[in-house]
Amino acid sequence: MSAPAFLAALARVGCGLQVRWRVASLALLLAVAAAPGPALAQTGANPLQALHEQTLAQAQAEYKAAPDAQRRALAAVQEVAALNSLGRSAQALQRLDEAAAALGVPVGDAALRAKVLLPLGRCEEALPAVKAQVDALDAGARQLLGPAHAPGGLLLLGAEPLLALTWCHAASRRYDEATATLARVADPFDPSLLHYRAAWYEALRLLGAAERPSLDVAARQLPPRAGHHDLGLAVVQGRITLPQALAALERRRLPPTQAQDARAELLFFAAVRAGAPAERAELLAQLEALAPYGSTEWVMARLLLAPR
């Protein structure tokens, strides 16, 4: 089945909401990027923090101006995500519950709630709902594809709930479950996700599931510069050093927010691979100093790598 036909059919069985949600979210982020505000690349500024602050302000304005509950719910999702990215996860959780109660319609999904609970150390609370979300996507895929959708196989358009489930398993040191879940991640809108998936898979193998085979074959079929995630994969596999990866990243001249996020990924993957405790501690200190707001790697470094 062609990609357009698959997406159209997916929308007919109800799973297309994820696509529409992503498009609407992208529209809001583009509006934030276009809105007047302080330059994100100012000396001494934190680009990601500034971006999420702008997103938060825009989402709050969108919520107030929204003409109906559905659009307010979408704006509330962006507000919750921004608060969570800014390290205000307890406030994000409160806002999520308040918005749902006030609007009387669903606000976000189980994956969003899991991402909010993750930095609070409470991701286990979201596991049943996220698993149910993945099961629903699986059921839709089986309805469309029949035997072509293998149990436990790749799940198109299920990246967000699968990643949320992966982080929850990893945070609880269930590395076998985390790697099995991560192996299912696919996204037709972002092929560079294959590099990111492979890098995280290697990291999880190093942290506790080393008996599983590598998952970088599909990633190696991509152009070497599909985004920046190829550098993280090379670092965690030990094919290049962190200084070499940072130099390559500098040459790619990414926008400030992407460059900061990419640097966070490289520091995290280097810390996972670090052999000596002192080396890992230094890399984690650099990650803390970078303060990459909204970075999954910053959250997971605190949960998995920081001394207890």
C-alpha atoms as a PDB file:
ATOM      1  CA  MET A   1       0.000   0.000   0.000  1.00  0.00           C
ATOM      2  CA  SER A   2       1.377   3.441  -0.900  1.00  0.00           C
ATOM      3  CA  ALA A   3       2.103   5.955   1.846  1.00  0.00           C
ATOM      4  CA  PRO A   4      -0.755   8.336   0.829  1.00  0.00           C
ATOM      5  CA  ALA A   5      -3.236   5.453   0.683  1.00  0.00           C
ATOM      6  CA  PHE A   6      -2.029   4.128   4.028  1.00  0.00           C
ATOM      7  CA  LEU A   7      -2.385   7.525   5.710  1.00  0.00           C
ATOM      8  CA  ALA A   8      -5.833   8.065   4.264  1.00  0.00           C
ATOM      9  CA  ALA A   9      -6.982   4.674   5.454  1.00  0.00           C
ATOM     10  CA  LEU A  10      -5.419   5.229   8.843  1.00  0.00           C
ATOM     11  CA  ALA A  11      -7.398   8.438   9.235  1.00  0.00           C
ATOM     12  CA  ARG A  12     -10.608   6.563   8.375  1.00  0.00           C
ATOM     13  CA  VAL A  13     -10.137   4.139  11.274  1.00  0.00           C
ATOM     14  CA  GLY A  14      -9.461   6.950  13.718  1.00  0.00           C
ATOM     15  CA  CYS A  15      -5.686   6.797  14.068  1.00  0.00           C
ATOM     16  CA  GLY A  16      -5.318   9.760  11.715  1.00  0.00           C
ATOM     17  CA  LEU A  17      -5.867  12.018  14.716  1.00  0.00           C
ATOM     18  CA  GLN A  18      -2.180  11.641  15.462  1.00  0.00           C
ATOM     19  CA  VAL A  19      -1.303  13.031  12.032  1.00  0.00           C
ATOM     20  CA  ARG A  20      -3.745  15.931  12.346  1.00  0.00           C
ATOM     21  CA  TRP A  21      -2.468  16.651  15.867  1.00  0.00           C
ATOM     22  CA  ARG A  22       1.098  16.740  14.589  1.00  0.00           C
ATOM     23  CA  VAL A  23       0.195  19.112  11.750  1.00  0.00           C
ATOM     24  CA  ALA A  24      -1.653  21.438  14.124  1.00  0.00           C
ATOM     25  CA  SER A  25       1.222  21.340  16.588  1.00  0.00           C
ATOM     26  CA  LEU A  26       3.673  22.176  13.807  1.00  0.00           C
ATOM     27  CA  ALA A  27       1.513  25.145  12.813  1.00  0.00           C
ATOM     28  CA  LEU A  28       1.651  26.471  16.345  1.00  0.00           C
ATOM     29  CA  LEU A  29       5.422  26.012  16.554  1.00  0.00           C
ATOM     30  CA  LEU A  30       5.868  27.834  13.253  1.00  0.00           C
ATOM     31  CA  ALA A  31       3.765  30.674  14.604  1.00  0.00           C
ATOM     32  CA  VAL A  32       5.987  30.821  17.676  1.00  0.00           C
ATOM     33  CA  ALA A  33       9.110  30.876  15.537  1.00  0.00           C
ATOM     34  CA  ALA A  34       7.695  33.729  13.482  1.00  0.00           C
ATOM     35  CA  ALA A  35       6.542  35.748  16.471  1.00  0.00           C
ATOM     36  CA  PRO A  36       8.641  38.757  17.477  1.00  0.00           C
ATOM     37  CA  GLY A  37      10.900  38.135  20.404  1.00  0.00           C
ATOM     38  CA  PRO A  38      14.519  38.229  21.599  1.00  0.00           C
ATOM     39  CA  ALA A  39      17.033  36.672  19.242  1.00  0.00           C
ATOM     40  CA  LEU A  40      17.661  33.094  20.304  1.00  0.00           C
ATOM     41  CA  ALA A  41      21.337  33.231  19.381  1.00  0.00           C
ATOM     42  CA  GLN A  42      22.232  36.140  21.672  1.00  0.00           C
ATOM     43  CA  THR A  43      25.482  35.692  23.546  1.00  0.00           C
ATOM     44  CA  GLY A  44      24.827  34.117  26.917  1.00  0.00           C
ATOM     45  CA  ALA A  45      21.231  33.187  26.055  1.00  0.00           C
ATOM     46  CA  ASN A  46      19.867  29.683  26.279  1.00  0.00           C
ATOM     47  CA  PRO A  47      18.251  29.068  22.870  1.00  0.00           C
ATOM     48  CA  LEU A  48      16.059  26.147  23.925  1.00  0.00           C
ATOM     49  CA  GLN A  49      14.875  27.896  27.066  1.00  0.00           C
ATOM     50  CA  ALA A  50      13.979  30.986  25.047  1.00  0.00           C
ATOM     51  CA  LEU A  51      12.117  28.873  22.481  1.00  0.00           C
ATOM     52  CA  HIS A  52      10.043  27.074  25.105  1.00  0.00           C
ATOM     53  CA  GLU A  53       9.282  30.338  26.897  1.00  0.00           C
ATOM     54  CA  GLN A  54       8.003  31.749  23.604  1.00  0.00           C
ATOM     55  CA  THR A  55       6.011  28.575  22.957  1.00  0.00           C
ATOM     56  CA  LEU A  56       4.453  28.833  26.411  1.00  0.00           C
ATOM     57  CA  ALA A  57       3.408  32.446  25.923  1.00  0.00           C
ATOM     58  CA  GLN A  58       2.015  31.710  22.475  1.00  0.00           C
ATOM     59  CA  ALA A  59       0.086  28.674  23.702  1.00  0.00           C
ATOM     60  CA  GLN A  60      -1.447  30.633  26.569  1.00  0.00           C
ATOM     61  CA  ALA A  61      -2.537  33.341  24.155  1.00  0.00           C
ATOM     62  CA  GLU A  62      -3.945  30.721  21.774  1.00  0.00           C
ATOM     63  CA  TYR A  63      -5.902  29.159  24.626  1.00  0.00           C
ATOM     64  CA  LYS A  64      -7.541  32.435  25.568  1.00  0.00           C
ATOM     65  CA  ALA A  65      -8.415  33.258  21.956  1.00  0.00           C
ATOM     66  CA  ALA A  66      -9.618  29.783  20.933  1.00  0.00           C
ATOM     67  CA  PRO A  67     -13.276  29.749  19.847  1.00  0.00           C
ATOM     68  CA  ASP A  68     -14.071  26.207  20.990  1.00  0.00           C
ATOM     69  CA  ALA A  69     -13.036  23.456  23.404  1.00  0.00           C
ATOM     70  CA  GLN A  70     -11.163  21.422  20.812  1.00  0.00           C
ATOM     71  CA  ARG A  71      -8.850  24.290  19.901  1.00  0.00           C
ATOM     72  CA  ARG A  72      -8.380  25.171  23.539  1.00  0.00           C
ATOM     73  CA  ALA A  73      -7.402  21.567  24.190  1.00  0.00           C
ATOM     74  CA  LEU A  74      -4.771  21.753  21.450  1.00  0.00           C
ATOM     75  CA  ALA A  75      -3.388  24.981  22.907  1.00  0.00           C
ATOM     76  CA  ALA A  76      -3.397  23.411  26.369  1.00  0.00           C
ATOM     77  CA  VAL A  77      -1.320  20.513  25.056  1.00  0.00           C
ATOM     78  CA  GLN A  78       1.303  22.961  23.793  1.00  0.00           C
ATOM     79  CA  GLU A  79       1.232  24.805  27.112  1.00  0.00           C
ATOM     80  CA  VAL A  80       1.716  21.572  29.061  1.00  0.00           C
ATOM     81  CA  ALA A  81       4.554  20.475  26.768  1.00  0.00           C
ATOM     82  CA  ALA A  82       6.285  23.848  27.128  1.00  0.00           C
ATOM     83  CA  LEU A  83       5.996  23.811  30.917  1.00  0.00           C
ATOM     84  CA  ASN A  84       7.403  20.287  30.979  1.00  0.00           C
ATOM     85  CA  SER A  85      10.266  21.275  28.681  1.00  0.00           C
ATOM     86  CA  LEU A  86      11.084  24.188  30.976  1.00  0.00           C
ATOM     87  CA  GLY A  87      11.518  21.826  33.909  1.00  0.00           C
ATOM     88  CA  ARG A  88       8.185  22.784  35.471  1.00  0.00           C
ATOM     89  CA  SER A  89       6.747  19.282  35.277  1.00  0.00           C
ATOM     90  CA  ALA A  90       4.654  19.455  38.449  1.00  0.00           C
ATOM     91  CA  GLN A  91       2.981  22.596  37.125  1.00  0.00           C
ATOM     92  CA  ALA A  92       2.537  20.906  33.731  1.00  0.00           C
ATOM     93  CA  LEU A  93       0.756  17.956  35.338  1.00  0.00           C
ATOM     94  CA  GLN A  94      -1.535  20.265  37.266  1.00  0.00           C
ATOM     95  CA  ARG A  95      -2.328  22.239  34.115  1.00  0.00           C
ATOM     96  CA  LEU A  96      -3.049  19.029  32.202  1.00  0.00           C
ATOM     97  CA  ASP A  97      -5.612  17.918  34.773  1.00  0.00           C
ATOM     98  CA  GLU A  98      -7.153  21.371  35.128  1.00  0.00           C
ATOM     99  CA  ALA A  99      -7.582  21.820  31.383  1.00  0.00           C
ATOM    100  CA  ALA A 100      -9.190  18.400  30.952  1.00  0.00           C
ATOM    101  CA  ALA A 101     -11.635  19.097  33.782  1.00  0.00           C
ATOM    102  CA  ALA A 102     -12.477  22.579  32.516  1.00  0.00           C
ATOM    103  CA  LEU A 103     -12.923  21.679  28.858  1.00  0.00           C
ATOM    104  CA  GLY A 104     -14.664  18.356  29.178  1.00  0.00           C
ATOM    105  CA  VAL A 105     -12.673  16.922  26.251  1.00  0.00           C
ATOM    106  CA  PRO A 106      -9.420  14.911  26.148  1.00  0.00           C
ATOM    107  CA  VAL A 107      -6.308  17.041  26.477  1.00  0.00           C
ATOM    108  CA  GLY A 108      -3.364  15.314  24.892  1.00  0.00           C
ATOM    109  CA  ASP A 109      -2.886  11.572  25.070  1.00  0.00           C
ATOM    110  CA  ALA A 110      -1.311   8.949  27.296  1.00  0.00           C
ATOM    111  CA  ALA A 111       2.113   9.596  25.777  1.00  0.00           C
ATOM    112  CA  LEU A 112       1.975  13.259  26.789  1.00  0.00           C
ATOM    113  CA  ARG A 113       1.070  12.354  30.346  1.00  0.00           C
ATOM    114  CA  ALA A 114       3.922   9.845  30.467  1.00  0.00           C
ATOM    115  CA  LYS A 115       6.398  12.492  29.318  1.00  0.00           C
ATOM    116  CA  VAL A 116       5.195  14.838  32.059  1.00  0.00           C
ATOM    117  CA  LEU A 117       5.410  12.141  34.726  1.00  0.00           C
ATOM    118  CA  LEU A 118       8.864  10.962  33.594  1.00  0.00           C
ATOM    119  CA  PRO A 119      10.945  13.808  35.120  1.00  0.00           C
ATOM    120  CA  LEU A 120       8.876  13.480  38.296  1.00  0.00           C
ATOM    121  CA  GLY A 121       9.907   9.846  38.657  1.00  0.00           C
ATOM    122  CA  ARG A 122       6.282   8.731  38.277  1.00  0.00           C
ATOM    123  CA  CYS A 123       6.231   7.306  34.759  1.00  0.00           C
ATOM    124  CA  GLU A 124       4.956   3.951  36.017  1.00  0.00           C
ATOM    125  CA  GLU A 125       1.578   5.595  36.615  1.00  0.00           C
ATOM    126  CA  ALA A 126       1.181   6.173  32.882  1.00  0.00           C
ATOM    127  CA  LEU A 127       2.254   2.721  31.689  1.00  0.00           C
ATOM    128  CA  PRO A 128      -1.200   1.070  31.446  1.00  0.00           C
ATOM    129  CA  ALA A 129      -2.631   3.949  29.408  1.00  0.00           C
ATOM    130  CA  VAL A 130       0.389   4.167  27.078  1.00  0.00           C
ATOM    131  CA  LYS A 131       0.316   0.410  26.497  1.00  0.00           C
ATOM    132  CA  ALA A 132      -3.391   0.687  25.680  1.00  0.00           C
ATOM    133  CA  GLN A 133      -2.597   3.481  23.212  1.00  0.00           C
ATOM    134  CA  VAL A 134       0.010   1.311  21.470  1.00  0.00           C
ATOM    135  CA  ASP A 135      -2.420  -1.638  21.433  1.00  0.00           C
ATOM    136  CA  ALA A 136      -5.047   0.559  19.741  1.00  0.00           C
ATOM    137  CA  LEU A 137      -2.553   1.608  17.066  1.00  0.00           C
ATOM    138  CA  ASP A 138      -1.581  -2.026  16.561  1.00  0.00           C
ATOM    139  CA  ALA A 139      -5.222  -2.977  16.143  1.00  0.00           C
ATOM    140  CA  GLY A 140      -5.695  -0.266  13.528  1.00  0.00           C
ATOM    141  CA  ALA A 141      -2.599  -1.408  11.645  1.00  0.00           C
ATOM    142  CA  ARG A 142      -3.763  -5.021  11.675  1.00  0.00           C
ATOM    143  CA  GLN A 143      -7.165  -3.947  10.378  1.00  0.00           C
ATOM    144  CA  LEU A 144      -5.508  -2.175   7.467  1.00  0.00           C
ATOM    145  CA  LEU A 145      -2.564  -4.420   6.662  1.00  0.00           C
ATOM    146  CA  GLY A 146      -3.621  -7.848   7.893  1.00  0.00           C
ATOM    147  CA  PRO A 147      -0.749 -10.349   7.958  1.00  0.00           C
ATOM    148  CA  ALA A 148       1.635  -7.671   6.651  1.00  0.00           C
ATOM    149  CA  HIS A 149       1.583  -6.139  10.140  1.00  0.00           C
ATOM    150  CA  ALA A 150       3.622  -8.565  12.183  1.00  0.00           C
ATOM    151  CA  PRO A 151       2.994  -8.709  15.953  1.00  0.00           C
ATOM    152  CA  GLY A 152       5.660  -6.621  17.607  1.00  0.00           C
ATOM    153  CA  GLY A 153       6.804  -5.243  14.252  1.00  0.00           C
ATOM    154  CA  LEU A 154       7.370  -1.681  13.111  1.00  0.00           C
ATOM    155  CA  LEU A 155       4.437   0.590  13.920  1.00  0.00           C
ATOM    156  CA  LEU A 156       4.021   3.522  11.544  1.00  0.00           C
ATOM    157  CA  LEU A 157       2.769   6.729  13.172  1.00  0.00           C
ATOM    158  CA  GLY A 158       3.268   5.225  16.620  1.00  0.00           C
ATOM    159  CA  ALA A 159       6.586   6.919  17.361  1.00  0.00           C
ATOM    160  CA  GLU A 160       5.390   9.177  20.186  1.00  0.00           C
ATOM    161  CA  PRO A 161       3.667   6.529  22.342  1.00  0.00           C
ATOM    162  CA  LEU A 162       6.388   3.977  21.604  1.00  0.00           C
ATOM    163  CA  LEU A 163       9.125   6.413  22.640  1.00  0.00           C
ATOM    164  CA  ALA A 164       7.197   7.347  25.789  1.00  0.00           C
ATOM    165  CA  LEU A 165       6.877   3.649  26.609  1.00  0.00           C
ATOM    166  CA  THR A 166      10.588   3.159  25.927  1.00  0.00           C
ATOM    167  CA  TRP A 167      11.582   5.964  28.305  1.00  0.00           C
ATOM    168  CA  CYS A 168       9.298   4.591  31.029  1.00  0.00           C
ATOM    169  CA  HIS A 169      10.799   1.111  30.753  1.00  0.00           C
ATOM    170  CA  ALA A 170      14.327   2.517  30.692  1.00  0.00           C
ATOM    171  CA  ALA A 171      13.706   4.734  33.724  1.00  0.00           C
ATOM    172  CA  SER A 172      12.728   1.598  35.650  1.00  0.00           C
ATOM    173  CA  ARG A 173      15.841  -0.245  34.375  1.00  0.00           C
ATOM    174  CA  ARG A 174      13.739  -2.664  32.343  1.00  0.00           C
ATOM    175  CA  TYR A 175      16.194  -2.528  29.475  1.00  0.00           C
ATOM    176  CA  ASP A 176      14.952  -5.619  27.638  1.00  0.00           C
ATOM    177  CA  GLU A 177      11.445  -4.170  27.462  1.00  0.00           C
ATOM    178  CA  ALA A 178      12.863  -0.778  26.491  1.00  0.00           C
ATOM    179  CA  THR A 179      14.908  -2.126  23.589  1.00  0.00           C
ATOM    180  CA  ALA A 180      12.053  -4.318  22.340  1.00  0.00           C
ATOM    181  CA  THR A 181       9.732  -1.313  22.350  1.00  0.00           C
ATOM    182  CA  LEU A 182      12.256   1.013  20.735  1.00  0.00           C
ATOM    183  CA  ALA A 183      12.863  -1.454  17.914  1.00  0.00           C
ATOM    184  CA  ARG A 184       9.271  -0.897  16.759  1.00  0.00           C
ATOM    185  CA  VAL A 185       9.626   2.863  16.262  1.00  0.00           C
ATOM    186  CA  ALA A 186       9.148   4.155  12.714  1.00  0.00           C
ATOM    187  CA  ASP A 187       8.041   7.485  11.311  1.00  0.00           C
ATOM    188  CA  PRO A 188       7.401   8.096   7.594  1.00  0.00           C
ATOM    189  CA  PHE A 189       7.619  11.856   8.204  1.00  0.00           C
ATOM    190  CA  ASP A 190      11.112  11.767   9.715  1.00  0.00           C
ATOM    191  CA  PRO A 191      13.500   9.163   8.273  1.00  0.00           C
ATOM    192  CA  SER A 192      16.369  10.548  10.375  1.00  0.00           C
ATOM    193  CA  LEU A 193      14.551   8.989  13.322  1.00  0.00           C
ATOM    194  CA  LEU A 194      16.237   5.736  12.284  1.00  0.00           C
ATOM    195  CA  HIS A 195      19.588   7.156  13.367  1.00  0.00           C
ATOM    196  CA  TYR A 196      18.110   8.374  16.654  1.00  0.00           C
ATOM    197  CA  ARG A 197      16.436   5.008  17.283  1.00  0.00           C
ATOM    198  CA  ALA A 198      19.667   3.161  16.560  1.00  0.00           C
ATOM    199  CA  ALA A 199      21.704   5.461  18.835  1.00  0.00           C
ATOM    200  CA  TRP A 200      19.326   5.007  21.742  1.00  0.00           C
ATOM    201  CA  TYR A 201      19.193   1.277  21.097  1.00  0.00           C
ATOM    202  CA  GLU A 202      22.979   1.091  21.375  1.00  0.00           C
ATOM    203  CA  ALA A 203      22.833   3.165  24.576  1.00  0.00           C
ATOM    204  CA  LEU A 204      20.281   0.821  26.124  1.00  0.00           C
ATOM    205  CA  ARG A 205      22.407  -2.159  25.130  1.00  0.00           C
ATOM    206  CA  LEU A 206      25.365  -0.621  26.942  1.00  0.00           C
ATOM    207  CA  LEU A 207      23.266   0.190  29.994  1.00  0.00           C
ATOM    208  CA  GLY A 208      21.859  -3.271  30.474  1.00  0.00           C
ATOM    209  CA  ALA A 209      20.697  -5.194  27.421  1.00  0.00           C
ATOM    210  CA  ALA A 210      23.958  -5.952  25.684  1.00  0.00           C
ATOM    211  CA  GLU A 211      22.849  -9.414  24.602  1.00  0.00           C
ATOM    212  CA  ARG A 212      20.520  -7.929  21.982  1.00  0.00           C
ATOM    213  CA  PRO A 213      21.929  -7.473  18.454  1.00  0.00           C
ATOM    214  CA  SER A 214      22.649  -4.043  17.034  1.00  0.00           C
ATOM    215  CA  LEU A 215      19.841  -2.094  15.382  1.00  0.00           C
ATOM    216  CA  ASP A 216      21.766   0.217  13.071  1.00  0.00           C
ATOM    217  CA  VAL A 217      21.365  -1.565   9.720  1.00  0.00           C
ATOM    218  CA  ALA A 218      18.395   0.543   8.625  1.00  0.00           C
ATOM    219  CA  ALA A 219      20.111   3.696   9.873  1.00  0.00           C
ATOM    220  CA  ARG A 220      23.202   3.003   7.787  1.00  0.00           C
ATOM    221  CA  GLN A 221      21.041   3.004   4.661  1.00  0.00           C
ATOM    222  CA  LEU A 222      20.311   6.710   5.193  1.00  0.00           C
ATOM    223  CA  PRO A 223      22.465   9.522   3.818  1.00  0.00           C
ATOM    224  CA  PRO A 224      25.224  10.215   6.370  1.00  0.00           C
ATOM    225  CA  ARG A 225      23.893  13.693   7.085  1.00  0.00           C
ATOM    226  CA  ALA A 226      20.209  12.959   7.611  1.00  0.00           C
ATOM    227  CA  GLY A 227      19.811  15.475  10.441  1.00  0.00           C
ATOM    228  CA  HIS A 228      22.395  15.200  13.197  1.00  0.00           C
ATOM    229  CA  HIS A 229      21.457  11.902  14.835  1.00  0.00           C
ATOM    230  CA  ASP A 230      24.070  10.015  12.839  1.00  0.00           C
ATOM    231  CA  LEU A 231      26.724  11.691  14.986  1.00  0.00           C
ATOM    232  CA  GLY A 232      25.129  10.401  18.193  1.00  0.00           C
ATOM    233  CA  LEU A 233      25.061   6.897  16.768  1.00  0.00           C
ATOM    234  CA  ALA A 234      28.735   7.103  15.829  1.00  0.00           C
ATOM    235  CA  VAL A 235      29.658   8.356  19.321  1.00  0.00           C
ATOM    236  CA  VAL A 236      27.747   5.712  21.270  1.00  0.00           C
ATOM    237  CA  GLN A 237      29.226   3.002  19.041  1.00  0.00           C
ATOM    238  CA  GLY A 238      32.738   4.350  19.622  1.00  0.00           C
ATOM    239  CA  ARG A 239      33.378   4.967  15.926  1.00  0.00           C
ATOM    240  CA  ILE A 240      34.273   8.631  16.559  1.00  0.00           C
ATOM    241  CA  THR A 241      35.245  10.574  19.662  1.00  0.00           C
ATOM    242  CA  LEU A 242      33.146  13.297  21.259  1.00  0.00           C
ATOM    243  CA  PRO A 243      35.538  16.077  20.101  1.00  0.00           C
ATOM    244  CA  GLN A 244      35.320  14.757  16.543  1.00  0.00           C
ATOM    245  CA  ALA A 245      31.518  14.686  16.726  1.00  0.00           C
ATOM    246  CA  LEU A 246      31.349  18.211  18.135  1.00  0.00           C
ATOM    247  CA  ALA A 247      33.635  19.470  15.373  1.00  0.00           C
ATOM    248  CA  ALA A 248      31.439  17.821  12.744  1.00  0.00           C
ATOM    249  CA  LEU A 249      28.355  19.314  14.377  1.00  0.00           C
ATOM    250  CA  GLU A 250      29.898  22.774  14.241  1.00  0.00           C
ATOM    251  CA  ARG A 251      30.534  22.400  10.525  1.00  0.00           C
ATOM    252  CA  ARG A 252      26.869  21.626   9.889  1.00  0.00           C
ATOM    253  CA  ARG A 253      25.869  25.097  11.117  1.00  0.00           C
ATOM    254  CA  LEU A 254      22.530  24.108  12.593  1.00  0.00           C
ATOM    255  CA  PRO A 255      20.155  26.734  14.014  1.00  0.00           C
ATOM    256  CA  PRO A 256      20.920  27.546  17.675  1.00  0.00           C
ATOM    257  CA  THR A 257      18.110  25.456  19.160  1.00  0.00           C
ATOM    258  CA  GLN A 258      18.952  22.398  17.046  1.00  0.00           C
ATOM    259  CA  ALA A 259      22.660  22.790  17.756  1.00  0.00           C
ATOM    260  CA  GLN A 260      22.041  22.928  21.510  1.00  0.00           C
ATOM    261  CA  ASP A 261      19.790  19.878  21.389  1.00  0.00           C
ATOM    262  CA  ALA A 262      22.296  18.000  19.232  1.00  0.00           C
ATOM    263  CA  ARG A 263      25.143  18.836  21.621  1.00  0.00           C
ATOM    264  CA  ALA A 264      23.049  17.461  24.486  1.00  0.00           C
ATOM    265  CA  GLU A 265      22.555  14.196  22.617  1.00  0.00           C
ATOM    266  CA  LEU A 266      26.291  13.865  21.979  1.00  0.00           C
ATOM    267  CA  LEU A 267      27.174  14.529  25.632  1.00  0.00           C
ATOM    268  CA  PHE A 268      24.612  11.979  26.781  1.00  0.00           C
ATOM    269  CA  PHE A 269      25.727   9.246  24.401  1.00  0.00           C
ATOM    270  CA  ALA A 270      29.365   9.907  25.262  1.00  0.00           C
ATOM    271  CA  ALA A 271      28.496   9.651  28.975  1.00  0.00           C
ATOM    272  CA  VAL A 272      26.738   6.320  28.394  1.00  0.00           C
ATOM    273  CA  ARG A 273      29.876   4.977  26.739  1.00  0.00           C
ATOM    274  CA  ALA A 274      32.316   6.480  29.249  1.00  0.00           C
ATOM    275  CA  GLY A 275      34.294   3.829  31.081  1.00  0.00           C
ATOM    276  CA  ALA A 276      35.638   5.753  34.059  1.00  0.00           C
ATOM    277  CA  PRO A 277      33.296   7.299  36.667  1.00  0.00           C
ATOM    278  CA  ALA A 278      35.267  10.538  36.595  1.00  0.00           C
ATOM    279  CA  GLU A 279      34.903  10.806  32.826  1.00  0.00           C
ATOM    280  CA  ARG A 280      31.158  10.236  33.033  1.00  0.00           C
ATOM    281  CA  ALA A 281      30.837  12.767  35.847  1.00  0.00           C
ATOM    282  CA  GLU A 282      32.631  15.411  33.765  1.00  0.00           C
ATOM    283  CA  LEU A 283      30.355  14.785  30.783  1.00  0.00           C
ATOM    284  CA  LEU A 284      27.258  15.000  32.975  1.00  0.00           C
ATOM    285  CA  ALA A 285      28.555  18.262  34.434  1.00  0.00           C
ATOM    286  CA  GLN A 286      28.897  19.642  30.902  1.00  0.00           C
ATOM    287  CA  LEU A 287      25.348  18.527  30.138  1.00  0.00           C
ATOM    288  CA  GLU A 288      24.054  20.307  33.240  1.00  0.00           C
ATOM    289  CA  ALA A 289      25.935  23.451  32.278  1.00  0.00           C
ATOM    290  CA  LEU A 290      24.468  23.299  28.780  1.00  0.00           C
ATOM    291  CA  ALA A 291      20.935  23.151  30.294  1.00  0.00           C
ATOM    292  CA  PRO A 292      19.202  21.867  27.134  1.00  0.00           C
ATOM    293  CA  TYR A 293      15.606  22.540  28.123  1.00  0.00           C
ATOM    294  CA  GLY A 294      13.214  20.028  26.599  1.00  0.00           C
ATOM    295  CA  SER A 295      15.949  17.483  25.861  1.00  0.00           C
ATOM    296  CA  THR A 296      15.007  13.877  26.553  1.00  0.00           C
ATOM    297  CA  GLU A 297      18.692  13.129  27.021  1.00  0.00           C
ATOM    298  CA  TRP A 298      18.979  15.658  29.865  1.00  0.00           C
ATOM    299  CA  VAL A 299      16.037  14.047  31.651  1.00  0.00           C
ATOM    300  CA  MET A 300      17.278  10.522  31.076  1.00  0.00           C
ATOM    301  CA  ALA A 301      20.834  11.398  32.119  1.00  0.00           C
ATOM    302  CA  ARG A 302      19.489  12.487  35.485  1.00  0.00           C
ATOM    303  CA  LEU A 303      17.397   9.331  35.800  1.00  0.00           C
ATOM    304  CA  LEU A 304      19.922   6.774  34.517  1.00  0.00           C
ATOM    305  CA  LEU A 305      23.437   8.134  34.818  1.00  0.00           C
ATOM    306  CA  ALA A 306      23.597  10.525  37.764  1.00  0.00           C
ATOM    307  CA  PRO A 307      24.984   9.048  41.012  1.00  0.00           C
ATOM    308  CA  ARG A 308      22.206   7.885  43.320  1.00  0.00           C
END
